[in-house]
Amino acid sequence: MTPAESEAIEQRVRSLDVQQIAHHAFQRMCQKGVTEQQILDTLRTGQAIEIHNDQNELRVLLRADVIGQWSACVVFSLDRQTVVTVWRNHVLDTHKTLRIGQYQWNINVCELLAIV
């Protein structure tokens, strides 16, 4: 994802109001120790990590260092303006074993967000 695409995602998320937090996300909040305020902070200041079309809706993953040595990771549905799920990652976790090809979507994100 290009810096312009990341910025476009971040601007879109920041322009929307959270309509709800999904039941699954509430469960994960309890399991992972992520608060509602940390979710809101992540949506307001987090870095866009990825965007994908999942369950027939556009979902974005944002990450922000808002929990001391932990980052809050939030999946947000742009279509439903809903927090789908949350978890924590250590701030030094660089995902060295991640196979990035599974997460690359061959689409111009800026153009996509301009028409959505």
Protein backbone atom coordinates (compact mmCIF):
# COMPACT_ATOMS: atom_id res chain seq x y z
CA MET A 1 0.00 0.00 0.00
CA THR A 2 1.34 3.42 -0.93
CA PRO A 3 1.60 6.30 1.57
CA ALA A 4 -1.18 8.10 -0.35
CA GLU A 5 -3.43 5.05 -0.01
CA SER A 6 -2.70 4.79 3.71
CA GLU A 7 -3.53 8.47 4.11
CA ALA A 8 -6.78 8.07 2.14
CA ILE A 9 -7.86 5.21 4.41
CA GLU A 10 -6.98 7.13 7.56
CA GLN A 11 -8.86 10.22 6.37
CA ARG A 12 -11.94 8.14 5.49
CA VAL A 13 -11.98 6.44 8.90
CA ARG A 14 -11.57 9.77 10.68
CA SER A 15 -14.49 11.23 8.72
CA LEU A 16 -16.88 8.54 9.99
CA ASP A 17 -18.61 8.06 13.33
CA VAL A 18 -18.57 4.65 14.97
CA GLN A 19 -22.13 3.35 14.77
CA GLN A 20 -21.55 0.23 16.84
CA ILE A 21 -19.07 -2.21 18.28
CA ALA A 22 -19.87 -5.75 17.14
CA HIS A 23 -20.52 -8.42 19.75
CA HIS A 24 -17.36 -10.24 18.69
CA ALA A 25 -15.34 -7.05 19.22
CA PHE A 26 -16.77 -6.69 22.76
CA GLN A 27 -15.68 -10.26 23.49
CA ARG A 28 -12.20 -9.55 22.18
CA MET A 29 -11.99 -6.33 24.20
CA CYS A 30 -12.50 -8.35 27.37
CA GLN A 31 -10.12 -11.13 26.31
CA LYS A 32 -7.33 -8.83 25.16
CA GLY A 33 -7.67 -5.92 27.59
CA VAL A 34 -8.51 -3.27 25.01
CA THR A 35 -10.77 -0.43 26.17
CA GLU A 36 -13.36 1.52 24.21
CA GLN A 37 -11.23 4.65 24.59
CA GLN A 38 -8.21 2.85 23.12
CA ILE A 39 -10.35 1.77 20.16
CA LEU A 40 -11.51 5.34 19.59
CA ASP A 41 -7.93 6.63 19.89
CA THR A 42 -6.79 4.04 17.35
CA LEU A 43 -9.52 5.05 14.90
CA ARG A 44 -8.59 8.72 15.40
CA THR A 45 -4.78 8.44 15.28
CA GLY A 46 -3.88 4.95 14.09
CA GLN A 47 -1.88 3.92 11.06
CA ALA A 48 -3.69 2.12 8.26
CA ILE A 49 -2.17 -1.33 7.85
CA GLU A 50 -4.48 -2.90 5.27
CA ILE A 51 -7.83 -2.70 3.51
CA HIS A 52 -9.75 -5.61 2.12
CA ASN A 53 -13.15 -6.67 0.88
CA ASP A 54 -14.28 -9.22 3.46
CA GLN A 55 -17.81 -10.51 4.01
CA ASN A 56 -18.88 -8.26 1.09
CA GLU A 57 -17.87 -5.07 2.86
CA LEU A 58 -14.78 -2.87 2.99
CA ARG A 59 -12.80 -3.42 6.17
CA VAL A 60 -9.66 -1.65 7.31
CA LEU A 61 -7.07 -2.55 9.90
CA LEU A 62 -5.59 0.29 11.92
CA ARG A 63 -2.87 0.07 14.55
CA ALA A 64 -1.83 2.60 17.20
CA ASP A 65 0.58 2.50 20.14
CA VAL A 66 -1.99 3.46 22.78
CA ILE A 67 -1.46 0.79 25.47
CA GLY A 68 2.08 1.36 26.78
CA GLN A 69 4.26 -1.32 25.19
CA TRP A 70 1.26 -2.64 23.25
CA SER A 71 -0.44 -1.49 20.07
CA ALA A 72 -4.19 -1.64 19.70
CA CYS A 73 -5.26 -3.24 16.42
CA VAL A 74 -8.77 -2.45 15.23
CA VAL A 75 -10.67 -3.84 12.25
CA PHE A 76 -13.32 -1.33 11.19
CA SER A 77 -16.07 -1.80 8.59
CA LEU A 78 -16.28 1.29 6.39
CA ASP A 79 -19.68 0.15 5.09
CA ARG A 80 -21.36 -0.38 8.46
CA GLN A 81 -19.15 2.00 10.47
CA THR A 82 -18.70 -0.83 12.93
CA VAL A 83 -15.75 -2.05 14.96
CA VAL A 84 -15.52 -5.70 13.85
CA THR A 85 -12.71 -6.99 16.07
CA VAL A 86 -9.76 -5.82 18.18
CA TRP A 87 -6.52 -7.24 19.59
CA ARG A 88 -3.14 -6.15 20.93
CA ASN A 89 0.34 -6.54 19.44
CA HIS A 90 3.64 -5.72 21.11
CA VAL A 91 4.96 -2.44 19.70
CA LEU A 92 8.18 -4.17 18.61
CA ASP A 93 6.35 -6.94 16.73
CA THR A 94 7.35 -6.53 13.09
CA HIS A 95 5.55 -9.67 11.85
CA LYS A 96 8.71 -11.18 10.34
CA THR A 97 6.89 -14.46 9.61
CA LEU A 98 3.89 -12.81 7.92
CA ARG A 99 3.32 -13.85 4.31
CA ILE A 100 2.34 -10.42 2.98
CA GLY A 101 1.12 -11.78 -0.35
CA GLN A 102 -1.99 -13.09 1.40
CA TYR A 103 -2.91 -9.53 2.34
CA GLN A 104 -2.18 -7.60 -0.84
CA TRP A 105 -5.18 -6.43 -2.81
CA ASN A 106 -4.43 -5.32 -6.36
CA ILE A 107 -6.62 -2.21 -6.43
CA ASN A 108 -6.11 1.55 -6.39
CA VAL A 109 -7.32 2.36 -2.89
CA CYS A 110 -7.53 6.11 -3.51
CA GLU A 111 -9.84 5.55 -6.47
CA LEU A 112 -11.87 2.99 -4.55
CA LEU A 113 -12.44 5.33 -1.59
CA ALA A 114 -13.34 8.20 -3.93
CA ILE A 115 -16.33 6.26 -5.27
CA VAL A 116 -17.49 4.67 -2.02
